[in-house]
Structure formats: structure tokens, C-alpha cells
Amino acid sequence: METLNYRFEQGTRKLAAEPKVVGVVSSGNLEVLIESAALNGGCEIAIQTAAVGFGPIWQAVMQDFQQRWQLADTRIAINDMGATPAVVSLRLDQAVETMLGEAK
């Protein structure tokens, strides 16, 4: 298992809803827990992954995600069992969209 942590600053979108879990940890998939948190405008992402040695790919996917959503005061935890970058992006987008849908 490998643990990766990322923090992004200067986000502009705050999510106001109860914490949500999207996805299921099983062979080749992952789960995402997303929640609002007082992080001085930051977005923190913690990843537990069975796929060791893919840090640069994770970083690129996380940067792309944050560039799309510009999250602030958001904490995300990812439990991964070898999902592809496309599945990671899909699950992250689903998590944010779920939070935004319930905040309406």
C-alpha cells in the first residue's frame, strides 16, 4: 500500500452538504469520501492505493481534477484498489456532483 497526500490552494468553490461516499472498493475500483472542512481555503486529498509507484500519474489526475472544480475547504479521501486514471476522474467528478446536487 502507498499513501499519497496533496493540497491545493486558491480554490473558489465551497461545498455545503453532508459528507458523501461514491464508489466501492473492490478489484480494480475505488471509493471516494468527500466532505467540507475548514482548511483555510485549501483542498486536501489523501490517497491509499494498492498500486505502488504511480505517484506522478496520481499527481497529474489530482491537478486536472482541481483545475476543473477549483474546490476550497474540501477534504477528500480515496481508497484505491488499482483503478485506472479515467475511473479515478469519474469517481471524483461523481462525488463533487453529488455534493452540489444536494446543496441545491
PDB file of N, CA and C in Angstrom:
ATOM      1  N   MET A   1       0.847  -1.190   0.000  1.00  0.00           N
ATOM      2  CA  MET A   1       0.000   0.000   0.000  1.00  0.00           C
ATOM      3  C   MET A   1       0.889   1.249   0.000  1.00  0.00           C
ATOM      4  N   GLU A   2       0.425   2.257  -0.681  1.00  0.00           N
ATOM      5  CA  GLU A   2       1.123   3.534  -0.728  1.00  0.00           C
ATOM      6  C   GLU A   2       0.132   4.632  -0.313  1.00  0.00           C
ATOM      7  N   THR A   3       0.638   5.615   0.419  1.00  0.00           N
ATOM      8  CA  THR A   3      -0.168   6.764   0.828  1.00  0.00           C
ATOM      9  C   THR A   3       0.370   8.004   0.130  1.00  0.00           C
ATOM     10  N   LEU A   4      -0.525   8.727  -0.518  1.00  0.00           N
ATOM     11  CA  LEU A   4      -0.166   9.971  -1.208  1.00  0.00           C
ATOM     12  C   LEU A   4      -1.055  11.089  -0.670  1.00  0.00           C
ATOM     13  N   ASN A   5      -0.471  12.256  -0.468  1.00  0.00           N
ATOM     14  CA  ASN A   5      -1.224  13.398   0.039  1.00  0.00           C
ATOM     15  C   ASN A   5      -0.972  14.612  -0.846  1.00  0.00           C
ATOM     16  N   TYR A   6      -2.050  15.313  -1.161  1.00  0.00           N
ATOM     17  CA  TYR A   6      -1.965  16.516  -1.987  1.00  0.00           C
ATOM     18  C   TYR A   6      -2.762  17.629  -1.318  1.00  0.00           C
ATOM     19  N   ARG A   7      -2.304  18.854  -1.477  1.00  0.00           N
ATOM     20  CA  ARG A   7      -3.038  20.026  -1.002  1.00  0.00           C
ATOM     21  C   ARG A   7      -2.970  21.086  -2.090  1.00  0.00           C
ATOM     22  N   PHE A   8      -4.129  21.636  -2.393  1.00  0.00           N
ATOM     23  CA  PHE A   8      -4.239  22.688  -3.397  1.00  0.00           C
ATOM     24  C   PHE A   8      -4.786  23.946  -2.729  1.00  0.00           C
ATOM     25  N   GLU A   9      -4.293  25.080  -3.158  1.00  0.00           N
ATOM     26  CA  GLU A   9      -4.698  26.380  -2.602  1.00  0.00           C
ATOM     27  C   GLU A   9      -5.467  27.177  -3.651  1.00  0.00           C
ATOM     28  N   GLN A  10      -6.035  28.277  -3.223  1.00  0.00           N
ATOM     29  CA  GLN A  10      -6.733  29.234  -4.088  1.00  0.00           C
ATOM     30  C   GLN A  10      -7.953  28.670  -4.803  1.00  0.00           C
ATOM     31  N   GLY A  11      -8.595  27.671  -4.219  1.00  0.00           N
ATOM     32  CA  GLY A  11      -9.861  27.208  -4.780  1.00  0.00           C
ATOM     33  C   GLY A  11     -10.943  28.250  -4.522  1.00  0.00           C
ATOM     34  N   THR A  12     -11.978  28.222  -5.329  1.00  0.00           N
ATOM     35  CA  THR A  12     -13.047  29.212  -5.196  1.00  0.00           C
ATOM     36  C   THR A  12     -14.405  28.596  -4.902  1.00  0.00           C
ATOM     37  N   ARG A  13     -14.549  27.277  -5.034  1.00  0.00           N
ATOM     38  CA  ARG A  13     -15.849  26.626  -4.862  1.00  0.00           C
ATOM     39  C   ARG A  13     -15.878  25.855  -3.545  1.00  0.00           C
ATOM     40  N   LYS A  14     -16.811  26.256  -2.681  1.00  0.00           N
ATOM     41  CA  LYS A  14     -17.008  25.548  -1.418  1.00  0.00           C
ATOM     42  C   LYS A  14     -18.243  24.668  -1.541  1.00  0.00           C
ATOM     43  N   LEU A  15     -18.162  23.496  -0.964  1.00  0.00           N
ATOM     44  CA  LEU A  15     -19.270  22.555  -0.978  1.00  0.00           C
ATOM     45  C   LEU A  15     -19.949  22.587   0.386  1.00  0.00           C
ATOM     46  N   ALA A  16     -21.264  22.671   0.392  1.00  0.00           N
ATOM     47  CA  ALA A  16     -22.008  22.733   1.649  1.00  0.00           C
ATOM     48  C   ALA A  16     -23.040  21.618   1.682  1.00  0.00           C
ATOM     49  N   ALA A  17     -22.633  20.459   2.123  1.00  0.00           N
ATOM     50  CA  ALA A  17     -23.542  19.326   2.252  1.00  0.00           C
ATOM     51  C   ALA A  17     -22.898  18.320   3.201  1.00  0.00           C
ATOM     52  N   GLU A  18     -23.652  17.300   3.538  1.00  0.00           N
ATOM     53  CA  GLU A  18     -23.133  16.233   4.384  1.00  0.00           C
ATOM     54  C   GLU A  18     -22.058  15.457   3.621  1.00  0.00           C
ATOM     55  N   PRO A  19     -21.111  14.849   4.348  1.00  0.00           N
ATOM     56  CA  PRO A  19     -20.095  14.030   3.677  1.00  0.00           C
ATOM     57  C   PRO A  19     -20.739  12.946   2.819  1.00  0.00           C
ATOM     58  N   LYS A  20     -20.095  12.617   1.714  1.00  0.00           N
ATOM     59  CA  LYS A  20     -20.612  11.613   0.781  1.00  0.00           C
ATOM     60  C   LYS A  20     -19.537  10.595   0.435  1.00  0.00           C
ATOM     61  N   VAL A  21     -19.978   9.371   0.189  1.00  0.00           N
ATOM     62  CA  VAL A  21     -19.096   8.308  -0.304  1.00  0.00           C
ATOM     63  C   VAL A  21     -19.602   7.895  -1.675  1.00  0.00           C
ATOM     64  N   VAL A  22     -18.684   7.807  -2.637  1.00  0.00           N
ATOM     65  CA  VAL A  22     -19.014   7.412  -4.001  1.00  0.00           C
ATOM     66  C   VAL A  22     -18.077   6.277  -4.392  1.00  0.00           C
ATOM     67  N   GLY A  23     -18.626   5.246  -5.032  1.00  0.00           N
ATOM     68  CA  GLY A  23     -17.810   4.123  -5.491  1.00  0.00           C
ATOM     69  C   GLY A  23     -17.710   3.040  -4.431  1.00  0.00           C
ATOM     70  N   VAL A  24     -17.127   1.917  -4.837  1.00  0.00           N
ATOM     71  CA  VAL A  24     -16.954   0.760  -3.964  1.00  0.00           C
ATOM     72  C   VAL A  24     -15.539   0.233  -4.149  1.00  0.00           C
ATOM     73  N   VAL A  25     -14.862  -0.030  -3.033  1.00  0.00           N
ATOM     74  CA  VAL A  25     -13.527  -0.616  -3.140  1.00  0.00           C
ATOM     75  C   VAL A  25     -13.690  -2.094  -3.439  1.00  0.00           C
ATOM     76  N   SER A  26     -13.225  -2.495  -4.590  1.00  0.00           N
ATOM     77  CA  SER A  26     -13.193  -3.905  -4.978  1.00  0.00           C
ATOM     78  C   SER A  26     -12.112  -4.027  -6.034  1.00  0.00           C
ATOM     79  N   SER A  27     -11.967  -5.132  -6.619  1.00  0.00           N
ATOM     80  CA  SER A  27     -10.923  -5.341  -7.600  1.00  0.00           C
ATOM     81  C   SER A  27     -11.009  -4.309  -8.727  1.00  0.00           C
ATOM     82  N   GLY A  28      -9.990  -3.485  -8.847  1.00  0.00           N
ATOM     83  CA  GLY A  28      -9.916  -2.515  -9.936  1.00  0.00           C
ATOM     84  C   GLY A  28     -10.772  -1.284  -9.764  1.00  0.00           C
ATOM     85  N   ASN A  29     -11.231  -0.988  -8.562  1.00  0.00           N
ATOM     86  CA  ASN A  29     -12.086   0.172  -8.369  1.00  0.00           C
ATOM     87  C   ASN A  29     -11.620   0.958  -7.152  1.00  0.00           C
ATOM     88  N   LEU A  30     -12.394   1.978  -6.797  1.00  0.00           N
ATOM     89  CA  LEU A  30     -12.035   2.793  -5.653  1.00  0.00           C
ATOM     90  C   LEU A  30     -13.264   3.446  -5.073  1.00  0.00           C
ATOM     91  N   GLU A  31     -13.108   3.951  -3.843  1.00  0.00           N
ATOM     92  CA  GLU A  31     -14.155   4.744  -3.221  1.00  0.00           C
ATOM     93  C   GLU A  31     -13.594   6.115  -2.894  1.00  0.00           C
ATOM     94  N   VAL A  32     -14.486   7.103  -2.938  1.00  0.00           N
ATOM     95  CA  VAL A  32     -14.119   8.487  -2.651  1.00  0.00           C
ATOM     96  C   VAL A  32     -15.024   8.987  -1.541  1.00  0.00           C
ATOM     97  N   LEU A  33     -14.426   9.511  -0.476  1.00  0.00           N
ATOM     98  CA  LEU A  33     -15.157  10.194   0.578  1.00  0.00           C
ATOM     99  C   LEU A  33     -14.852  11.673   0.423  1.00  0.00           C
ATOM    100  N   ILE A  34     -15.895  12.496   0.304  1.00  0.00           N
ATOM    101  CA  ILE A  34     -15.714  13.936   0.137  1.00  0.00           C
ATOM    102  C   ILE A  34     -16.504  14.650   1.224  1.00  0.00           C
ATOM    103  N   GLU A  35     -15.902  15.687   1.809  1.00  0.00           N
ATOM    104  CA  GLU A  35     -16.565  16.429   2.869  1.00  0.00           C
ATOM    105  C   GLU A  35     -16.056  17.861   2.928  1.00  0.00           C
ATOM    106  N   SER A  36     -16.906  18.726   3.439  1.00  0.00           N
ATOM    107  CA  SER A  36     -16.496  20.099   3.693  1.00  0.00           C
ATOM    108  C   SER A  36     -15.635  20.100   4.949  1.00  0.00           C
ATOM    109  N   ALA A  37     -14.618  20.978   4.974  1.00  0.00           N
ATOM    110  CA  ALA A  37     -13.731  21.071   6.134  1.00  0.00           C
ATOM    111  C   ALA A  37     -13.118  22.466   6.160  1.00  0.00           C
ATOM    112  N   ALA A  38     -12.881  22.960   7.346  1.00  0.00           N
ATOM    113  CA  ALA A  38     -12.243  24.275   7.490  1.00  0.00           C
ATOM    114  C   ALA A  38     -10.749  24.121   7.221  1.00  0.00           C
ATOM    115  N   LEU A  39     -10.325  24.444   6.006  1.00  0.00           N
ATOM    116  CA  LEU A  39      -8.928  24.261   5.598  1.00  0.00           C
ATOM    117  C   LEU A  39      -8.314  25.555   5.080  1.00  0.00           C
ATOM    118  N   ASN A  40      -8.809  26.693   5.545  1.00  0.00           N
ATOM    119  CA  ASN A  40      -8.294  27.996   5.111  1.00  0.00           C
ATOM    120  C   ASN A  40      -8.290  28.139   3.593  1.00  0.00           C
ATOM    121  N   GLY A  41      -9.334  27.637   2.961  1.00  0.00           N
ATOM    122  CA  GLY A  41      -9.460  27.740   1.512  1.00  0.00           C
ATOM    123  C   GLY A  41      -8.785  26.640   0.731  1.00  0.00           C
ATOM    124  N   GLY A  42      -8.156  25.719   1.410  1.00  0.00           N
ATOM    125  CA  GLY A  42      -7.445  24.644   0.725  1.00  0.00           C
ATOM    126  C   GLY A  42      -8.327  23.454   0.392  1.00  0.00           C
ATOM    127  N   CYS A  43      -7.804  22.593  -0.447  1.00  0.00           N
ATOM    128  CA  CYS A  43      -8.423  21.313  -0.772  1.00  0.00           C
ATOM    129  C   CYS A  43      -7.366  20.242  -0.525  1.00  0.00           C
ATOM    130  N   GLU A  44      -7.652  19.332   0.414  1.00  0.00           N
ATOM    131  CA  GLU A  44      -6.717  18.268   0.742  1.00  0.00           C
ATOM    132  C   GLU A  44      -7.235  16.934   0.222  1.00  0.00           C
ATOM    133  N   ILE A  45      -6.336  16.177  -0.401  1.00  0.00           N
ATOM    134  CA  ILE A  45      -6.686  14.870  -0.951  1.00  0.00           C
ATOM    135  C   ILE A  45      -5.691  13.846  -0.415  1.00  0.00           C
ATOM    136  N   ALA A  46      -6.218  12.825   0.275  1.00  0.00           N
ATOM    137  CA  ALA A  46      -5.394  11.734   0.806  1.00  0.00           C
ATOM    138  C   ALA A  46      -5.770  10.462   0.056  1.00  0.00           C
ATOM    139  N   ILE A  47      -4.764   9.761  -0.423  1.00  0.00           N
ATOM    140  CA  ILE A  47      -4.987   8.562  -1.232  1.00  0.00           C
ATOM    141  C   ILE A  47      -4.285   7.375  -0.585  1.00  0.00           C
ATOM    142  N   GLN A  48      -5.026   6.282  -0.415  1.00  0.00           N
ATOM    143  CA  GLN A  48      -4.467   4.986  -0.032  1.00  0.00           C
ATOM    144  C   GLN A  48      -4.630   4.100  -1.261  1.00  0.00           C
ATOM    145  N   THR A  49      -3.518   3.631  -1.815  1.00  0.00           N
ATOM    146  CA  THR A  49      -3.598   2.857  -3.052  1.00  0.00           C
ATOM    147  C   THR A  49      -2.772   1.576  -2.982  1.00  0.00           C
ATOM    148  N   ALA A  50      -3.306   0.541  -3.596  1.00  0.00           N
ATOM    149  CA  ALA A  50      -2.583  -0.722  -3.711  1.00  0.00           C
ATOM    150  C   ALA A  50      -1.586  -0.678  -4.862  1.00  0.00           C
ATOM    151  N   ALA A  51      -1.744   0.288  -5.765  1.00  0.00           N
ATOM    152  CA  ALA A  51      -0.867   0.419  -6.940  1.00  0.00           C
ATOM    153  C   ALA A  51       0.328   1.306  -6.579  1.00  0.00           C
ATOM    154  N   VAL A  52       1.382   0.704  -6.117  1.00  0.00           N
ATOM    155  CA  VAL A  52       2.572   1.422  -5.654  1.00  0.00           C
ATOM    156  C   VAL A  52       3.402   1.904  -6.843  1.00  0.00           C
ATOM    157  N   GLY A  53       3.924   3.141  -6.742  1.00  0.00           N
ATOM    158  CA  GLY A  53       4.837   3.660  -7.747  1.00  0.00           C
ATOM    159  C   GLY A  53       4.204   4.513  -8.828  1.00  0.00           C
ATOM    160  N   PHE A  54       2.962   4.893  -8.654  1.00  0.00           N
ATOM    161  CA  PHE A  54       2.269   5.685  -9.667  1.00  0.00           C
ATOM    162  C   PHE A  54       2.034   7.129  -9.216  1.00  0.00           C
ATOM    163  N   GLY A  55       2.877   7.628  -8.319  1.00  0.00           N
ATOM    164  CA  GLY A  55       2.732   8.986  -7.791  1.00  0.00           C
ATOM    165  C   GLY A  55       2.599  10.064  -8.853  1.00  0.00           C
ATOM    166  N   PRO A  56       3.448  10.082  -9.894  1.00  0.00           N
ATOM    167  CA  PRO A  56       3.324  11.121 -10.922  1.00  0.00           C
ATOM    168  C   PRO A  56       1.982  11.086 -11.655  1.00  0.00           C
ATOM    169  N   ILE A  57       1.438   9.905 -11.869  1.00  0.00           N
ATOM    170  CA  ILE A  57       0.133   9.796 -12.530  1.00  0.00           C
ATOM    171  C   ILE A  57      -0.957  10.310 -11.610  1.00  0.00           C
ATOM    172  N   TRP A  58      -0.909   9.910 -10.332  1.00  0.00           N
ATOM    173  CA  TRP A  58      -1.883  10.422  -9.367  1.00  0.00           C
ATOM    174  C   TRP A  58      -1.828  11.947  -9.301  1.00  0.00           C
ATOM    175  N   GLN A  59      -0.623  12.488  -9.256  1.00  0.00           N
ATOM    176  CA  GLN A  59      -0.492  13.940  -9.171  1.00  0.00           C
ATOM    177  C   GLN A  59      -1.128  14.616 -10.383  1.00  0.00           C
ATOM    178  N   ALA A  60      -0.910  14.088 -11.563  1.00  0.00           N
ATOM    179  CA  ALA A  60      -1.496  14.674 -12.774  1.00  0.00           C
ATOM    180  C   ALA A  60      -3.025  14.604 -12.736  1.00  0.00           C
ATOM    181  N   VAL A  61      -3.566  13.479 -12.279  1.00  0.00           N
ATOM    182  CA  VAL A  61      -5.024  13.329 -12.202  1.00  0.00           C
ATOM    183  C   VAL A  61      -5.597  14.284 -11.162  1.00  0.00           C
ATOM    184  N   MET A  62      -4.931  14.426 -10.016  1.00  0.00           N
ATOM    185  CA  MET A  62      -5.417  15.333  -8.960  1.00  0.00           C
ATOM    186  C   MET A  62      -5.342  16.796  -9.407  1.00  0.00           C
ATOM    187  N   GLN A  63      -4.266  17.159 -10.101  1.00  0.00           N
ATOM    188  CA  GLN A  63      -4.151  18.534 -10.601  1.00  0.00           C
ATOM    189  C   GLN A  63      -5.236  18.833 -11.629  1.00  0.00           C
ATOM    190  N   ASP A  64      -5.506  17.899 -12.511  1.00  0.00           N
ATOM    191  CA  ASP A  64      -6.561  18.070 -13.505  1.00  0.00           C
ATOM    192  C   ASP A  64      -7.922  18.221 -12.822  1.00  0.00           C
ATOM    193  N   PHE A  65      -8.190  17.384 -11.835  1.00  0.00           N
ATOM    194  CA  PHE A  65      -9.442  17.450 -11.082  1.00  0.00           C
ATOM    195  C   PHE A  65      -9.603  18.810 -10.408  1.00  0.00           C
ATOM    196  N   GLN A  66      -8.566  19.263  -9.715  1.00  0.00           N
ATOM    197  CA  GLN A  66      -8.659  20.544  -9.003  1.00  0.00           C
ATOM    198  C   GLN A  66      -8.793  21.707  -9.988  1.00  0.00           C
ATOM    199  N   GLN A  67      -8.157  21.609 -11.116  1.00  0.00           N
ATOM    200  CA  GLN A  67      -8.281  22.662 -12.128  1.00  0.00           C
ATOM    201  C   GLN A  67      -9.722  22.741 -12.641  1.00  0.00           C
ATOM    202  N   ARG A  68     -10.380  21.597 -12.798  1.00  0.00           N
ATOM    203  CA  ARG A  68     -11.783  21.576 -13.251  1.00  0.00           C
ATOM    204  C   ARG A  68     -12.736  22.150 -12.217  1.00  0.00           C
ATOM    205  N   TRP A  69     -12.554  21.771 -10.949  1.00  0.00           N
ATOM    206  CA  TRP A  69     -13.541  22.096  -9.922  1.00  0.00           C
ATOM    207  C   TRP A  69     -13.174  23.268  -9.026  1.00  0.00           C
ATOM    208  N   GLN A  70     -11.889  23.581  -8.876  1.00  0.00           N
ATOM    209  CA  GLN A  70     -11.449  24.708  -8.047  1.00  0.00           C
ATOM    210  C   GLN A  70     -12.061  24.649  -6.639  1.00  0.00           C
ATOM    211  N   LEU A  71     -11.907  23.500  -5.961  1.00  0.00           N
ATOM    212  CA  LEU A  71     -12.509  23.320  -4.649  1.00  0.00           C
ATOM    213  C   LEU A  71     -11.744  24.045  -3.554  1.00  0.00           C
ATOM    214  N   ALA A  72     -12.497  24.550  -2.585  1.00  0.00           N
ATOM    215  CA  ALA A  72     -11.935  25.202  -1.406  1.00  0.00           C
ATOM    216  C   ALA A  72     -12.595  24.594  -0.174  1.00  0.00           C
ATOM    217  N   ASP A  73     -11.861  24.528   0.934  1.00  0.00           N
ATOM    218  CA  ASP A  73     -12.385  23.982   2.185  1.00  0.00           C
ATOM    219  C   ASP A  73     -13.031  22.616   1.975  1.00  0.00           C
ATOM    220  N   THR A  74     -12.302  21.751   1.285  1.00  0.00           N
ATOM    221  CA  THR A  74     -12.803  20.410   0.964  1.00  0.00           C
ATOM    222  C   THR A  74     -11.729  19.380   1.288  1.00  0.00           C
ATOM    223  N   ARG A  75     -12.138  18.303   1.943  1.00  0.00           N
ATOM    224  CA  ARG A  75     -11.239  17.181   2.231  1.00  0.00           C
ATOM    225  C   ARG A  75     -11.767  15.963   1.475  1.00  0.00           C
ATOM    226  N   ILE A  76     -10.844  15.277   0.791  1.00  0.00           N
ATOM    227  CA  ILE A  76     -11.192  14.088   0.010  1.00  0.00           C
ATOM    228  C   ILE A  76     -10.272  12.947   0.436  1.00  0.00           C
ATOM    229  N   ALA A  77     -10.868  11.779   0.674  1.00  0.00           N
ATOM    230  CA  ALA A  77     -10.105  10.563   0.959  1.00  0.00           C
ATOM    231  C   ALA A  77     -10.443   9.544  -0.118  1.00  0.00           C
ATOM    232  N   ILE A  78      -9.408   8.948  -0.699  1.00  0.00           N
ATOM    233  CA  ILE A  78      -9.576   7.961  -1.757  1.00  0.00           C
ATOM    234  C   ILE A  78      -8.952   6.649  -1.298  1.00  0.00           C
ATOM    235  N   ASN A  79      -9.734   5.568  -1.391  1.00  0.00           N
ATOM    236  CA  ASN A  79      -9.240   4.219  -1.152  1.00  0.00           C
ATOM    237  C   ASN A  79      -9.268   3.502  -2.488  1.00  0.00           C
ATOM    238  N   ASP A  80      -8.087   3.133  -2.973  1.00  0.00           N
ATOM    239  CA  ASP A  80      -7.948   2.619  -4.336  1.00  0.00           C
ATOM    240  C   ASP A  80      -7.441   1.184  -4.346  1.00  0.00           C
ATOM    241  N   MET A  81      -8.014   0.398  -5.255  1.00  0.00           N
ATOM    242  CA  MET A  81      -7.541  -0.969  -5.463  1.00  0.00           C
ATOM    243  C   MET A  81      -7.108  -1.167  -6.916  1.00  0.00           C
ATOM    244  N   GLY A  82      -6.495  -0.134  -7.511  1.00  0.00           N
ATOM    245  CA  GLY A  82      -5.948  -0.277  -8.853  1.00  0.00           C
ATOM    246  C   GLY A  82      -6.815   0.292  -9.958  1.00  0.00           C
ATOM    247  N   ALA A  83      -7.632   1.295  -9.643  1.00  0.00           N
ATOM    248  CA  ALA A  83      -8.483   1.908 -10.666  1.00  0.00           C
ATOM    249  C   ALA A  83      -7.638   2.653 -11.700  1.00  0.00           C
ATOM    250  N   THR A  84      -8.144   2.717 -12.910  1.00  0.00           N
ATOM    251  CA  THR A  84      -7.455   3.469 -13.966  1.00  0.00           C
ATOM    252  C   THR A  84      -7.653   4.975 -13.731  1.00  0.00           C
ATOM    253  N   PRO A  85      -6.810   5.821 -14.316  1.00  0.00           N
ATOM    254  CA  PRO A  85      -6.999   7.267 -14.171  1.00  0.00           C
ATOM    255  C   PRO A  85      -8.381   7.747 -14.614  1.00  0.00           C
ATOM    256  N   ALA A  86      -8.942   7.141 -15.644  1.00  0.00           N
ATOM    257  CA  ALA A  86     -10.279   7.537 -16.101  1.00  0.00           C
ATOM    258  C   ALA A  86     -11.337   7.247 -15.036  1.00  0.00           C
ATOM    259  N   VAL A  87     -11.225   6.109 -14.375  1.00  0.00           N
ATOM    260  CA  VAL A  87     -12.178   5.767 -13.311  1.00  0.00           C
ATOM    261  C   VAL A  87     -11.994   6.699 -12.119  1.00  0.00           C
ATOM    262  N   VAL A  88     -10.760   7.029 -11.783  1.00  0.00           N
ATOM    263  CA  VAL A  88     -10.491   7.969 -10.691  1.00  0.00           C
ATOM    264  C   VAL A  88     -11.166   9.309 -10.992  1.00  0.00           C
ATOM    265  N   SER A  89     -10.967   9.835 -12.178  1.00  0.00           N
ATOM    266  CA  SER A  89     -11.589  11.107 -12.561  1.00  0.00           C
ATOM    267  C   SER A  89     -13.107  11.024 -12.503  1.00  0.00           C
ATOM    268  N   LEU A  90     -13.660   9.939 -13.005  1.00  0.00           N
ATOM    269  CA  LEU A  90     -15.108   9.743 -12.993  1.00  0.00           C
ATOM    270  C   LEU A  90     -15.642   9.755 -11.565  1.00  0.00           C
ATOM    271  N   ARG A  91     -15.024   9.002 -10.670  1.00  0.00           N
ATOM    272  CA  ARG A  91     -15.486   8.931  -9.285  1.00  0.00           C
ATOM    273  C   ARG A  91     -15.357  10.282  -8.577  1.00  0.00           C
ATOM    274  N   LEU A  92     -14.273  10.985  -8.818  1.00  0.00           N
ATOM    275  CA  LEU A  92     -14.108  12.309  -8.205  1.00  0.00           C
ATOM    276  C   LEU A  92     -15.190  13.267  -8.702  1.00  0.00           C
ATOM    277  N   ASP A  93     -15.443  13.261  -9.998  1.00  0.00           N
ATOM    278  CA  ASP A  93     -16.499  14.126 -10.545  1.00  0.00           C
ATOM    279  C   ASP A  93     -17.860  13.743  -9.969  1.00  0.00           C
ATOM    280  N   GLN A  94     -18.129  12.446  -9.844  1.00  0.00           N
ATOM    281  CA  GLN A  94     -19.394  11.997  -9.264  1.00  0.00           C
ATOM    282  C   GLN A  94     -19.541  12.484  -7.828  1.00  0.00           C
ATOM    283  N   ALA A  95     -18.459  12.435  -7.066  1.00  0.00           N
ATOM    284  CA  ALA A  95     -18.509  12.876  -5.672  1.00  0.00           C
ATOM    285  C   ALA A  95     -18.861  14.357  -5.581  1.00  0.00           C
ATOM    286  N   VAL A  96     -18.204  15.192  -6.379  1.00  0.00           N
ATOM    287  CA  VAL A  96     -18.495  16.629  -6.360  1.00  0.00           C
ATOM    288  C   VAL A  96     -19.916  16.884  -6.839  1.00  0.00           C
ATOM    289  N   GLU A  97     -20.315  16.245  -7.916  1.00  0.00           N
ATOM    290  CA  GLU A  97     -21.667  16.453  -8.439  1.00  0.00           C
ATOM    291  C   GLU A  97     -22.728  16.016  -7.433  1.00  0.00           C
ATOM    292  N   THR A  98     -22.460  14.960  -6.675  1.00  0.00           N
ATOM    293  CA  THR A  98     -23.380  14.528  -5.629  1.00  0.00           C
ATOM    294  C   THR A  98     -23.500  15.598  -4.546  1.00  0.00           C
ATOM    295  N   MET A  99     -22.379  16.169  -4.139  1.00  0.00           N
ATOM    296  CA  MET A  99     -22.400  17.234  -3.135  1.00  0.00           C
ATOM    297  C   MET A  99     -23.146  18.459  -3.672  1.00  0.00           C
ATOM    298  N   LEU A 100     -22.888  18.835  -4.901  1.00  0.00           N
ATOM    299  CA  LEU A 100     -23.538  20.018  -5.474  1.00  0.00           C
ATOM    300  C   LEU A 100     -25.037  19.788  -5.651  1.00  0.00           C
ATOM    301  N   GLY A 101     -25.418  18.588  -6.030  1.00  0.00           N
ATOM    302  CA  GLY A 101     -26.827  18.259  -6.215  1.00  0.00           C
ATOM    303  C   GLY A 101     -27.626  18.346  -4.935  1.00  0.00           C
ATOM    304  N   GLU A 102     -27.010  17.964  -3.808  1.00  0.00           N
ATOM    305  CA  GLU A 102     -27.719  18.003  -2.537  1.00  0.00           C
ATOM    306  C   GLU A 102     -27.671  19.376  -1.885  1.00  0.00           C
ATOM    307  N   ALA A 103     -26.790  20.252  -2.362  1.00  0.00           N
ATOM    308  CA  ALA A 103     -26.705  21.590  -1.782  1.00  0.00           C
ATOM    309  C   ALA A 103     -27.765  22.513  -2.355  1.00  0.00           C
ATOM    310  N   LYS A 104     -28.447  22.089  -3.420  1.00  0.00           N
ATOM    311  CA  LYS A 104     -29.451  22.943  -4.077  1.00  0.00           C
ATOM    312  C   LYS A 104     -30.689  23.105  -3.228  1.00  0.00           C
TER     313      LYS A 104
END
